[in-house]
Structures are given as structure tokens and as C-alpha cells.
Amino acid sequence: MHLSARSTRLAAFAALPLAVVISGVVVGTSSYAAFSDTTENAGNSWATGKVAISDDDEGQALFEVAGLLPGDTGSNCLTVTADTSAASTVRLYASDTVDLDALGSSLAVVVERGAPEATCERFVPGGDILFAGTLADLATSTSFADGVGDWSVPAGTTDSLWRVTYHLADDATNALQEAEAATTFVWEAQND
């Protein structure tokens, strides 16, 4: 079989693109042929810590006092437990304070934290007084930022006895007869 010059030229032109494609495949695959290796660092994970705080009040208010008279004093204690995964700070503040009759301005309040061996019956202060003022003064502390009684706790579970003492002013006026005041004591922990 004899090919004409025209057929030979067509075959040559057809072969050229085919040769370019084949050479591209050969060069492309050979340029990726190499030794390789990897290393891994498996098992990475993240978990958050915790800051938890509780008390032993069993749902009871520290104070439900009626019939206060000038000069009356009382105190009660509460054990606060911090359970944290990092060093934290605990502070006390007030919330939901109601004092329509300004009784809070004549009701002195002292807050103390007990020494490790302290009980409410045999209270031994664990340091300086944390707060001494009126209930009205304490009511201005309404968040952790302006709370009182910085208690530094390490990671883990730590508890502390807190004592709150009140005293109605000896010179409380007749304007305070049948007056009422109420507040919620809040202990908040935040990690350092």
C-alpha cells in the first residue's frame, strides 16, 4: 500500500499533537515521582475548665427577722464551696435589694470569713473584716466587678465559712417603725 504525499503530511500533522500529549503525560507523571514521607501528631483535643460555686443554705435565707428594735443585733453563717479547675477569685455582692423605707441606711452589716477551724458557734475570723457598712452601702455592690471580700481559691474544691452580722442603729428614729428591707447575697467565682 502506497501513501500519497498528502496522506503522509496528514499523518505527520496528526502524529504531532498526539506526540505532544504523550510527552506531556510522561513528563507530568515523572515530575511527581519522588520519595515522600509524613509525620503526624494525632489525638489533639480541647476541653473547657469549670468554675462552680455553691453554699449550704439548703434553700433557706440567712435572715428572716421580724420585730427589730433599735440596738438589735444578730448574725448567721454560711459555708461557700468553690469547685474550680483554675485559680479563681470569689466576691460577695447584693442583688434584688428592696428598701423603700430606707431601713438599709440604719442597718449596719459586717461580713467576715472564718479561719479554717471556725464554726458558726465558735467563730474565729480568718483575717480582716471584708465589709463593714450599712445594708444600703452593700446594696451598691451589684456585680463581681464591685463585689467585696476577695477570696482567692486554688484549683480544686475549697470551702470557707462566711459570717454576716447585722445591727439596727441604737438611734433609729420612729420613721423606721414597720419598715422593711430585703436583699439577696450573691457569691460569685471567676477564674483568674
Protein backbone atom coordinates (compact mmCIF):
# COMPACT_ATOMS: atom_id res chain seq x y z
CA MET A 1 0.00 0.00 0.00
CA HIS A 2 1.40 3.27 -1.04
CA LEU A 3 0.58 6.53 0.70
CA SER A 4 0.32 9.69 -1.21
CA ALA A 5 2.26 12.75 -0.21
CA ARG A 6 -0.91 14.30 1.02
CA SER A 7 -1.73 11.33 3.27
CA THR A 8 1.81 11.35 4.63
CA ARG A 9 1.51 15.01 5.52
CA LEU A 10 -1.85 14.45 7.23
CA ALA A 11 -0.43 11.55 9.19
CA ALA A 12 2.55 13.68 10.24
CA PHE A 13 0.27 16.53 11.34
CA ALA A 14 -1.97 14.13 13.27
CA ALA A 15 1.00 12.49 14.93
CA LEU A 16 2.41 15.78 16.15
CA PRO A 17 -0.43 16.66 18.58
CA LEU A 18 -0.54 13.06 19.75
CA ALA A 19 3.20 13.15 20.45
CA VAL A 20 2.83 16.41 22.39
CA VAL A 21 0.05 14.93 24.53
CA ILE A 22 2.01 11.72 25.20
CA SER A 23 5.17 13.63 26.10
CA GLY A 24 3.15 15.86 28.46
CA VAL A 25 1.76 12.82 30.24
CA VAL A 26 5.21 11.26 30.53
CA VAL A 27 6.79 14.48 31.82
CA GLY A 28 3.83 15.18 34.14
CA THR A 29 3.89 11.78 35.79
CA SER A 30 7.65 11.63 36.02
CA SER A 31 7.83 15.10 37.63
CA TYR A 32 5.67 13.83 40.54
CA ALA A 33 7.58 10.65 41.09
CA ALA A 34 9.66 11.19 44.24
CA PHE A 35 10.32 9.75 47.65
CA SER A 36 7.99 11.12 50.34
CA ASP A 37 7.15 10.68 53.97
CA THR A 38 4.81 12.27 56.57
CA THR A 39 4.66 12.53 60.31
CA GLU A 40 1.53 13.04 62.42
CA ASN A 41 0.70 14.39 65.82
CA ALA A 42 -2.63 12.70 66.46
CA GLY A 43 -5.11 12.92 69.30
CA ASN A 44 -5.32 16.71 69.66
CA SER A 45 -8.36 17.81 71.65
CA TRP A 46 -9.62 20.71 73.68
CA ALA A 47 -11.91 20.81 76.72
CA THR A 48 -13.01 23.75 78.82
CA GLY A 49 -12.45 24.02 82.54
CA LYS A 50 -15.07 24.97 85.08
CA VAL A 51 -15.85 27.43 87.81
CA ALA A 52 -18.65 26.29 90.11
CA ILE A 53 -19.79 27.70 93.42
CA SER A 54 -22.38 26.53 95.93
CA ASP A 55 -23.43 27.04 99.53
CA ASP A 56 -25.00 25.03 102.33
CA ASP A 57 -28.09 27.19 102.88
CA GLU A 58 -30.44 24.40 101.77
CA GLY A 59 -32.73 26.99 100.22
CA GLN A 60 -33.11 29.00 103.44
CA ALA A 61 -32.41 32.71 103.81
CA LEU A 62 -29.66 33.68 106.26
CA PHE A 63 -32.05 36.12 107.91
CA GLU A 64 -35.81 36.33 108.25
CA VAL A 65 -36.00 38.82 111.09
CA ALA A 66 -39.25 40.46 112.20
CA GLY A 67 -39.90 42.84 115.08
CA LEU A 68 -36.48 44.53 115.00
CA LEU A 69 -35.96 47.18 117.65
CA PRO A 70 -33.22 49.82 117.91
CA GLY A 71 -30.00 48.17 119.11
CA ASP A 72 -30.95 44.63 118.00
CA THR A 73 -28.08 42.54 116.66
CA GLY A 74 -27.85 39.12 115.07
CA SER A 75 -25.56 37.01 112.93
CA ASN A 76 -25.61 33.87 110.85
CA CYS A 77 -23.12 31.84 108.86
CA LEU A 78 -22.93 30.14 105.51
CA THR A 79 -20.33 27.78 104.07
CA VAL A 80 -19.43 28.65 100.48
CA THR A 81 -17.75 25.99 98.35
CA ALA A 82 -15.75 26.79 95.22
CA ASP A 83 -15.04 23.92 92.80
CA THR A 84 -12.79 25.22 90.03
CA SER A 85 -10.32 23.86 87.51
CA ALA A 86 -8.17 27.01 87.74
CA ALA A 87 -7.22 29.50 90.41
CA SER A 88 -10.19 31.81 90.94
CA THR A 89 -11.48 34.72 92.98
CA VAL A 90 -14.78 34.77 94.89
CA ARG A 91 -16.57 38.01 95.76
CA LEU A 92 -19.82 38.87 97.53
CA TYR A 93 -22.37 41.38 96.30
CA ALA A 94 -26.07 42.13 96.69
CA SER A 95 -28.93 41.80 94.23
CA ASP A 96 -32.69 42.31 94.21
CA THR A 97 -32.43 44.79 97.09
CA VAL A 98 -35.71 46.38 98.17
CA ASP A 99 -35.53 49.22 100.70
CA LEU A 100 -38.49 51.52 100.22
CA ASP A 101 -38.39 52.84 103.80
CA ALA A 102 -34.61 53.50 103.96
CA LEU A 103 -34.20 50.89 106.71
CA GLY A 104 -30.97 49.83 104.99
CA SER A 105 -29.32 53.12 105.92
CA SER A 106 -29.77 52.33 109.64
CA LEU A 107 -28.99 48.62 109.44
CA ALA A 108 -25.26 48.03 109.91
CA VAL A 109 -23.82 44.94 108.20
CA VAL A 110 -20.45 43.28 108.82
CA VAL A 111 -19.15 40.45 106.62
CA GLU A 112 -16.28 38.20 107.75
CA ARG A 113 -14.69 35.00 106.53
CA GLY A 114 -13.79 32.44 109.15
CA ALA A 115 -10.48 30.76 109.85
CA PRO A 116 -10.23 27.12 108.70
CA GLU A 117 -11.15 25.83 112.18
CA ALA A 118 -14.08 28.24 112.64
CA THR A 119 -17.66 27.18 113.19
CA CYS A 120 -20.64 29.48 113.40
CA GLU A 121 -20.94 28.75 117.14
CA ARG A 122 -17.21 29.32 117.72
CA PHE A 123 -16.43 31.81 115.01
CA VAL A 124 -12.77 32.73 114.57
CA PRO A 125 -12.11 35.42 111.96
CA GLY A 126 -9.77 34.34 109.19
CA GLY A 127 -8.41 37.83 108.61
CA ASP A 128 -9.63 41.37 108.23
CA ILE A 129 -13.29 42.31 108.09
CA LEU A 130 -14.38 42.04 104.46
CA PHE A 131 -17.18 44.59 104.63
CA ALA A 132 -18.40 46.98 107.32
CA GLY A 133 -21.08 49.47 106.43
CA THR A 134 -24.83 49.65 106.08
CA LEU A 135 -27.10 47.42 104.08
CA ALA A 136 -27.62 50.42 101.80
CA ASP A 137 -23.84 50.58 101.25
CA LEU A 138 -23.62 46.87 100.47
CA ALA A 139 -26.54 47.21 98.06
CA THR A 140 -24.36 49.43 95.86
CA SER A 141 -22.17 46.37 95.15
CA THR A 142 -24.25 44.68 92.47
CA SER A 143 -21.75 42.66 90.43
CA PHE A 144 -18.47 40.79 90.63
CA ALA A 145 -16.66 43.93 89.44
CA ASP A 146 -17.58 45.88 92.58
CA GLY A 147 -18.08 42.95 94.93
CA VAL A 148 -16.41 42.67 98.33
CA GLY A 149 -14.28 40.11 100.13
CA ASP A 150 -11.77 38.90 97.54
CA TRP A 151 -11.32 35.23 98.40
CA SER A 152 -8.56 33.61 96.33
CA VAL A 153 -9.13 29.90 95.78
CA PRO A 154 -6.75 27.42 94.14
CA ALA A 155 -7.83 24.91 91.52
CA GLY A 156 -9.86 22.16 93.13
CA THR A 157 -12.56 22.21 95.79
CA THR A 158 -12.23 24.72 98.62
CA ASP A 159 -14.77 25.87 101.17
CA SER A 160 -14.94 28.76 103.58
CA LEU A 161 -17.28 29.83 106.37
CA TRP A 162 -18.70 33.34 105.97
CA ARG A 163 -20.46 35.21 108.78
CA VAL A 164 -22.84 38.11 108.26
CA THR A 165 -23.76 40.26 111.28
CA TYR A 166 -26.43 42.97 111.39
CA HIS A 167 -27.16 45.70 113.95
CA LEU A 168 -30.08 48.13 113.89
CA ALA A 169 -28.80 51.55 114.94
CA ASP A 170 -29.40 52.44 118.58
CA ASP A 171 -30.70 55.83 117.44
CA ALA A 172 -33.08 54.51 114.77
CA THR A 173 -35.94 57.00 114.52
CA ASN A 174 -39.67 56.48 114.71
CA ALA A 175 -39.76 56.89 110.93
CA LEU A 176 -38.40 53.32 110.71
CA GLN A 177 -41.29 51.71 112.57
CA GLU A 178 -42.69 48.85 110.46
CA ALA A 179 -40.02 49.47 107.81
CA GLU A 180 -38.81 46.60 105.66
CA ALA A 181 -35.69 45.86 103.65
CA ALA A 182 -34.68 42.76 101.73
CA THR A 183 -31.71 41.64 99.67
CA THR A 184 -30.10 38.58 98.11
CA PHE A 185 -26.48 37.85 98.98
CA VAL A 186 -24.61 36.61 95.91
CA TRP A 187 -21.22 34.91 95.96
CA GLU A 188 -19.63 34.75 92.51
CA ALA A 189 -16.46 32.98 91.43
CA GLN A 190 -14.42 33.93 88.37
CA ASN A 191 -11.23 32.31 87.21
CA ASP A 192 -8.10 34.50 87.46
